[in-house]
């Protein structure tokens, strides 16, 4: 899993979703699989079924459009099997999280919603707002979210060159 997949999985779990990651789907008769679903989550209370594909590529829009259309089509075929026995909604919310997408990126790609990594981080910062590490720490089982919580909290402290791990004189 890449860092975006880990971050999305942690965020969904933190928000109460049952999550599956890096799931191989569509076994082929002679071996191998049709593909992999990056992150799939189900929130039982809200009845929200979500399939998230993450990418740090820098491909042109046309290539991304084809790739995500294929990934999301595969997801529609297989996602319900991952939560067999549970009452699932008909609709699957499909989202692409892209690390490299400009501020003017389209809102959809391959039939799913497009969210930039900046927007994901902003969503997490907003969701952790007011949760101080001392009194409302994110559980240690979510190390990426806990780090973002510390980063958000650190924004309230002014920078002081006297209080650094690496003194300024040693920074290359």
Foldseek 3Di string as FASTA:
>chain_A
DDPVLLQVQLVQVLVAWDKDAQAFADADPVGDGPGTFGMWTARQVVLATETEAEDADDDDQVVQQVVLLSNVVRCLVPVQVVVPPGDHDNDYAYEYEYQDDDPPHDQDGSRHGYHYPVRVLVVLLVVCPPQACVHRADDPVSVVSNVSNVVSVCVVPDDDQVDDPARPVPDD
